[in-house]
Amino acid sequence: MTEQERNSSSANSVRLMPVSYSSAQVFQPRTWIMNDNRDAADLMSVNGTIRPRSNWETHLFDQVNQLVFQMTRMPDGHDFHLDANVARRAADLLGAIQANSRLDAPRVINEEGDTILFTWEEFGLKKYLCIDNEEVELRIRKPGTQFSTSEPLTHDGHVDISVLLNALGAEVRSGSVR
């Protein structure tokens, strides 16, 4: 069977396409998007719960997590250095997002070593989850316009995961999120 026959053999097949490459690939994993035509019913199991993540989706989250901790091992003055406390907080939030939502693995931006941003793009909006030692904030902007909004998600030093997922517009995978 040729490559073209395999690609056209199933209307529900998932094709992965590279989104971006970095000149510093050792610090930023490849980011992929899923390009498929499945509707929400295809993501549901027979008992109505959302299916677990695929191995590939899990791999992408693992790559982001590894990247976060690689940044902590960079020298203090390096552009990609990240404070260890920020990295731990980011890893905790990444794990909660992975375990409790259907969001794709985010892209990563290191902002001067003391803040890390997880980014997603959806419906023409760019979402930035800004994580530092003291607060977690969600910024949303629409590229090419003046539209921009910001919402603090830290209350008394803690982040309520259900509030975070709701702010991100995430489809929650389970009813046990607190």
C-alpha atoms as a PDB file:
ATOM      1  CA  MET A   1       0.000   0.000   0.000  1.00  0.00           C
ATOM      2  CA  THR A   2       1.384   3.416  -0.939  1.00  0.00           C
ATOM      3  CA  GLU A   3       1.618   6.374   1.435  1.00  0.00           C
ATOM      4  CA  GLN A   4      -1.235   8.094  -0.402  1.00  0.00           C
ATOM      5  CA  GLU A   5      -3.476   5.027  -0.106  1.00  0.00           C
ATOM      6  CA  ARG A   6      -2.775   4.786   3.628  1.00  0.00           C
ATOM      7  CA  ASN A   7      -3.591   8.473   4.145  1.00  0.00           C
ATOM      8  CA  SER A   8      -6.856   8.249   2.245  1.00  0.00           C
ATOM      9  CA  SER A   9      -7.928   4.826   3.504  1.00  0.00           C
ATOM     10  CA  SER A  10      -9.573   6.103   6.644  1.00  0.00           C
ATOM     11  CA  ALA A  11     -11.628   9.260   6.959  1.00  0.00           C
ATOM     12  CA  ASN A  12     -11.041   9.242  10.719  1.00  0.00           C
ATOM     13  CA  SER A  13      -7.276   8.826  10.602  1.00  0.00           C
ATOM     14  CA  VAL A  14      -5.202  11.303  12.569  1.00  0.00           C
ATOM     15  CA  ARG A  15      -2.373  13.053  10.778  1.00  0.00           C
ATOM     16  CA  LEU A  16       0.309  14.843  12.753  1.00  0.00           C
ATOM     17  CA  MET A  17       1.890  17.939  11.285  1.00  0.00           C
ATOM     18  CA  PRO A  18       4.911  19.838  12.598  1.00  0.00           C
ATOM     19  CA  VAL A  19       3.985  23.284  13.871  1.00  0.00           C
ATOM     20  CA  SER A  20       7.313  24.825  14.728  1.00  0.00           C
ATOM     21  CA  TYR A  21      10.992  24.140  15.008  1.00  0.00           C
ATOM     22  CA  SER A  22      13.410  25.988  17.207  1.00  0.00           C
ATOM     23  CA  SER A  23      17.019  26.842  16.491  1.00  0.00           C
ATOM     24  CA  ALA A  24      17.683  25.652  20.044  1.00  0.00           C
ATOM     25  CA  GLN A  25      15.884  22.321  19.748  1.00  0.00           C
ATOM     26  CA  VAL A  26      17.740  20.874  22.706  1.00  0.00           C
ATOM     27  CA  PHE A  27      15.748  23.335  24.839  1.00  0.00           C
ATOM     28  CA  GLN A  28      12.410  23.234  23.047  1.00  0.00           C
ATOM     29  CA  PRO A  29      10.813  20.020  21.837  1.00  0.00           C
ATOM     30  CA  ARG A  30       9.017  19.861  18.552  1.00  0.00           C
ATOM     31  CA  THR A  31       5.441  20.940  18.882  1.00  0.00           C
ATOM     32  CA  TRP A  32       2.783  19.047  16.952  1.00  0.00           C
ATOM     33  CA  ILE A  33      -0.888  19.583  16.414  1.00  0.00           C
ATOM     34  CA  MET A  34      -3.488  17.009  15.650  1.00  0.00           C
ATOM     35  CA  ASN A  35      -5.193  17.565  12.333  1.00  0.00           C
ATOM     36  CA  ASP A  36      -8.289  15.448  12.209  1.00  0.00           C
ATOM     37  CA  ASN A  37     -11.966  15.716  11.467  1.00  0.00           C
ATOM     38  CA  ARG A  38     -13.304  13.823  14.466  1.00  0.00           C
ATOM     39  CA  ASP A  39     -16.167  15.322  16.388  1.00  0.00           C
ATOM     40  CA  ALA A  40     -16.604  15.275  20.163  1.00  0.00           C
ATOM     41  CA  ALA A  41     -18.480  11.943  20.026  1.00  0.00           C
ATOM     42  CA  ASP A  42     -15.321  10.259  18.708  1.00  0.00           C
ATOM     43  CA  LEU A  43     -13.470  11.313  21.864  1.00  0.00           C
ATOM     44  CA  MET A  44     -16.022   9.686  24.165  1.00  0.00           C
ATOM     45  CA  SER A  45     -15.938   6.091  25.359  1.00  0.00           C
ATOM     46  CA  VAL A  46     -19.030   3.907  25.401  1.00  0.00           C
ATOM     47  CA  ASN A  47     -19.809   4.832  29.018  1.00  0.00           C
ATOM     48  CA  GLY A  48     -19.719   8.581  28.256  1.00  0.00           C
ATOM     49  CA  THR A  49     -16.359   9.422  29.817  1.00  0.00           C
ATOM     50  CA  ILE A  50     -13.568  11.033  27.875  1.00  0.00           C
ATOM     51  CA  ARG A  51     -11.005   8.549  26.584  1.00  0.00           C
ATOM     52  CA  PRO A  52      -7.519   8.562  28.091  1.00  0.00           C
ATOM     53  CA  ARG A  53      -4.736  10.370  26.255  1.00  0.00           C
ATOM     54  CA  SER A  54      -2.901   8.599  23.472  1.00  0.00           C
ATOM     55  CA  ASN A  55       0.718   7.584  23.918  1.00  0.00           C
ATOM     56  CA  TRP A  56       1.717  10.435  21.602  1.00  0.00           C
ATOM     57  CA  GLU A  57      -0.189  13.047  23.632  1.00  0.00           C
ATOM     58  CA  THR A  58       1.393  11.697  26.813  1.00  0.00           C
ATOM     59  CA  HIS A  59       4.819  11.839  25.151  1.00  0.00           C
ATOM     60  CA  LEU A  60       4.323  15.515  24.264  1.00  0.00           C
ATOM     61  CA  PHE A  61       3.457  16.389  27.869  1.00  0.00           C
ATOM     62  CA  ASP A  62       6.529  14.431  29.025  1.00  0.00           C
ATOM     63  CA  GLN A  63       8.690  16.419  26.583  1.00  0.00           C
ATOM     64  CA  VAL A  64       7.388  19.713  27.968  1.00  0.00           C
ATOM     65  CA  ASN A  65       8.006  18.523  31.525  1.00  0.00           C
ATOM     66  CA  GLN A  66      11.568  17.470  30.655  1.00  0.00           C
ATOM     67  CA  LEU A  67      12.153  20.832  28.991  1.00  0.00           C
ATOM     68  CA  VAL A  68      11.049  22.690  32.116  1.00  0.00           C
ATOM     69  CA  PHE A  69      13.562  20.804  34.255  1.00  0.00           C
ATOM     70  CA  GLN A  70      16.342  21.088  31.638  1.00  0.00           C
ATOM     71  CA  MET A  71      15.998  24.845  32.005  1.00  0.00           C
ATOM     72  CA  THR A  72      16.808  24.609  35.725  1.00  0.00           C
ATOM     73  CA  ARG A  73      20.146  23.004  34.900  1.00  0.00           C
ATOM     74  CA  MET A  74      21.282  25.873  32.685  1.00  0.00           C
ATOM     75  CA  PRO A  75      23.817  28.319  34.188  1.00  0.00           C
ATOM     76  CA  ASP A  76      22.270  31.249  36.088  1.00  0.00           C
ATOM     77  CA  GLY A  77      23.105  33.834  33.418  1.00  0.00           C
ATOM     78  CA  HIS A  78      21.879  31.713  30.491  1.00  0.00           C
ATOM     79  CA  ASP A  79      18.864  32.908  28.482  1.00  0.00           C
ATOM     80  CA  PHE A  80      17.068  29.599  29.084  1.00  0.00           C
ATOM     81  CA  HIS A  81      17.811  29.311  32.838  1.00  0.00           C
ATOM     82  CA  LEU A  82      14.698  28.856  34.990  1.00  0.00           C
ATOM     83  CA  ASP A  83      14.394  29.140  38.765  1.00  0.00           C
ATOM     84  CA  ALA A  84      13.904  25.679  40.354  1.00  0.00           C
ATOM     85  CA  ASN A  85      10.860  26.781  42.405  1.00  0.00           C
ATOM     86  CA  VAL A  86       9.154  28.118  39.287  1.00  0.00           C
ATOM     87  CA  ALA A  87       9.956  24.859  37.490  1.00  0.00           C
ATOM     88  CA  ARG A  88       8.383  22.778  40.284  1.00  0.00           C
ATOM     89  CA  ARG A  89       5.246  24.915  40.264  1.00  0.00           C
ATOM     90  CA  ALA A  90       5.053  24.738  36.453  1.00  0.00           C
ATOM     91  CA  ALA A  91       5.494  20.951  36.513  1.00  0.00           C
ATOM     92  CA  ASP A  92       2.715  20.594  39.102  1.00  0.00           C
ATOM     93  CA  LEU A  93       0.329  22.688  37.003  1.00  0.00           C
ATOM     94  CA  LEU A  94       1.317  20.867  33.816  1.00  0.00           C
ATOM     95  CA  GLY A  95       0.576  17.534  35.494  1.00  0.00           C
ATOM     96  CA  ALA A  96      -2.819  18.784  36.673  1.00  0.00           C
ATOM     97  CA  ILE A  97      -3.665  20.037  33.184  1.00  0.00           C
ATOM     98  CA  GLN A  98      -2.599  16.733  31.638  1.00  0.00           C
ATOM     99  CA  ALA A  99      -4.505  14.608  34.143  1.00  0.00           C
ATOM    100  CA  ASN A 100      -7.713  16.620  34.246  1.00  0.00           C
ATOM    101  CA  SER A 101      -8.306  18.143  30.820  1.00  0.00           C
ATOM    102  CA  ARG A 102      -8.263  17.525  27.096  1.00  0.00           C
ATOM    103  CA  LEU A 103      -5.902  20.442  26.399  1.00  0.00           C
ATOM    104  CA  ASP A 104      -2.984  19.707  24.105  1.00  0.00           C
ATOM    105  CA  ALA A 105       0.538  19.966  25.493  1.00  0.00           C
ATOM    106  CA  PRO A 106       1.499  23.640  25.587  1.00  0.00           C
ATOM    107  CA  ARG A 107       4.371  25.440  23.952  1.00  0.00           C
ATOM    108  CA  VAL A 108       6.894  26.918  26.373  1.00  0.00           C
ATOM    109  CA  ILE A 109       8.365  30.400  26.690  1.00  0.00           C
ATOM    110  CA  ASN A 110      10.971  31.275  29.305  1.00  0.00           C
ATOM    111  CA  GLU A 111      10.681  34.896  30.393  1.00  0.00           C
ATOM    112  CA  GLU A 112      13.932  36.082  31.987  1.00  0.00           C
ATOM    113  CA  GLY A 113      14.379  32.971  34.131  1.00  0.00           C
ATOM    114  CA  ASP A 114      11.827  33.892  36.757  1.00  0.00           C
ATOM    115  CA  THR A 115       8.635  33.274  34.778  1.00  0.00           C
ATOM    116  CA  ILE A 116       7.614  30.481  32.455  1.00  0.00           C
ATOM    117  CA  LEU A 117       4.692  30.732  30.053  1.00  0.00           C
ATOM    118  CA  PHE A 118       2.667  27.807  28.757  1.00  0.00           C
ATOM    119  CA  THR A 119       0.932  28.839  25.550  1.00  0.00           C
ATOM    120  CA  TRP A 120      -1.953  27.544  23.486  1.00  0.00           C
ATOM    121  CA  GLU A 121      -3.732  28.944  20.464  1.00  0.00           C
ATOM    122  CA  GLU A 122      -7.421  28.294  19.963  1.00  0.00           C
ATOM    123  CA  PHE A 123     -10.157  29.998  17.948  1.00  0.00           C
ATOM    124  CA  GLY A 124      -7.785  32.792  16.927  1.00  0.00           C
ATOM    125  CA  LEU A 125      -6.882  33.590  20.545  1.00  0.00           C
ATOM    126  CA  LYS A 126      -3.472  33.138  22.132  1.00  0.00           C
ATOM    127  CA  LYS A 127      -3.592  31.962  25.739  1.00  0.00           C
ATOM    128  CA  TYR A 128      -0.586  32.422  28.022  1.00  0.00           C
ATOM    129  CA  LEU A 129      -0.458  30.737  31.416  1.00  0.00           C
ATOM    130  CA  CYS A 130       2.174  32.822  33.226  1.00  0.00           C
ATOM    131  CA  ILE A 131       3.800  31.036  36.163  1.00  0.00           C
ATOM    132  CA  ASP A 132       6.267  32.557  38.615  1.00  0.00           C
ATOM    133  CA  ASN A 133       7.172  32.144  42.304  1.00  0.00           C
ATOM    134  CA  GLU A 134       4.338  34.284  43.593  1.00  0.00           C
ATOM    135  CA  GLU A 135       1.440  34.046  41.173  1.00  0.00           C
ATOM    136  CA  VAL A 136      -0.178  32.291  38.272  1.00  0.00           C
ATOM    137  CA  GLU A 137      -1.969  34.437  35.734  1.00  0.00           C
ATOM    138  CA  LEU A 138      -3.824  33.766  32.502  1.00  0.00           C
ATOM    139  CA  ARG A 139      -3.389  36.271  29.701  1.00  0.00           C
ATOM    140  CA  ILE A 140      -5.459  36.060  26.551  1.00  0.00           C
ATOM    141  CA  ARG A 141      -4.927  38.155  23.469  1.00  0.00           C
ATOM    142  CA  LYS A 142      -6.168  38.236  19.914  1.00  0.00           C
ATOM    143  CA  PRO A 143      -3.238  38.737  17.533  1.00  0.00           C
ATOM    144  CA  GLY A 144      -3.628  41.679  15.184  1.00  0.00           C
ATOM    145  CA  THR A 145      -6.060  43.499  17.472  1.00  0.00           C
ATOM    146  CA  GLN A 146      -5.947  45.492  20.686  1.00  0.00           C
ATOM    147  CA  PHE A 147      -7.925  42.789  22.525  1.00  0.00           C
ATOM    148  CA  SER A 148      -6.068  41.589  25.613  1.00  0.00           C
ATOM    149  CA  THR A 149      -7.238  40.391  29.001  1.00  0.00           C
ATOM    150  CA  SER A 150      -5.556  39.128  32.139  1.00  0.00           C
ATOM    151  CA  GLU A 151      -6.897  37.085  35.050  1.00  0.00           C
ATOM    152  CA  PRO A 152      -4.975  36.235  38.223  1.00  0.00           C
ATOM    153  CA  LEU A 153      -5.490  32.594  39.208  1.00  0.00           C
ATOM    154  CA  THR A 154      -3.572  32.574  42.494  1.00  0.00           C
ATOM    155  CA  HIS A 155      -5.525  33.059  45.713  1.00  0.00           C
ATOM    156  CA  ASP A 156      -3.637  32.970  49.015  1.00  0.00           C
ATOM    157  CA  GLY A 157      -0.663  31.456  47.174  1.00  0.00           C
ATOM    158  CA  HIS A 158      -2.663  28.530  45.783  1.00  0.00           C
ATOM    159  CA  VAL A 159      -4.250  27.733  42.442  1.00  0.00           C
ATOM    160  CA  ASP A 160      -7.635  26.008  42.310  1.00  0.00           C
ATOM    161  CA  ILE A 161      -7.262  23.559  39.417  1.00  0.00           C
ATOM    162  CA  SER A 162     -10.950  23.677  38.489  1.00  0.00           C
ATOM    163  CA  VAL A 163     -10.734  27.492  38.269  1.00  0.00           C
ATOM    164  CA  LEU A 164      -7.583  27.186  36.145  1.00  0.00           C
ATOM    165  CA  LEU A 165      -9.161  24.682  33.750  1.00  0.00           C
ATOM    166  CA  ASN A 166     -12.326  26.748  33.498  1.00  0.00           C
ATOM    167  CA  ALA A 167     -10.305  29.894  32.729  1.00  0.00           C
ATOM    168  CA  LEU A 168      -8.406  28.024  30.008  1.00  0.00           C
ATOM    169  CA  GLY A 169     -11.699  26.823  28.530  1.00  0.00           C
ATOM    170  CA  ALA A 170     -10.555  23.229  28.970  1.00  0.00           C
ATOM    171  CA  GLU A 171     -12.820  20.260  28.627  1.00  0.00           C
ATOM    172  CA  VAL A 172     -12.490  18.562  32.014  1.00  0.00           C
ATOM    173  CA  ARG A 173     -11.686  14.837  31.869  1.00  0.00           C
ATOM    174  CA  SER A 174     -13.149  13.925  35.244  1.00  0.00           C
ATOM    175  CA  GLY A 175     -15.551  15.228  37.846  1.00  0.00           C
ATOM    176  CA  SER A 176     -13.015  14.951  40.668  1.00  0.00           C
ATOM    177  CA  VAL A 177     -11.066  18.132  39.944  1.00  0.00           C
ATOM    178  CA  ARG A 178     -10.709  20.436  42.940  1.00  0.00           C
END
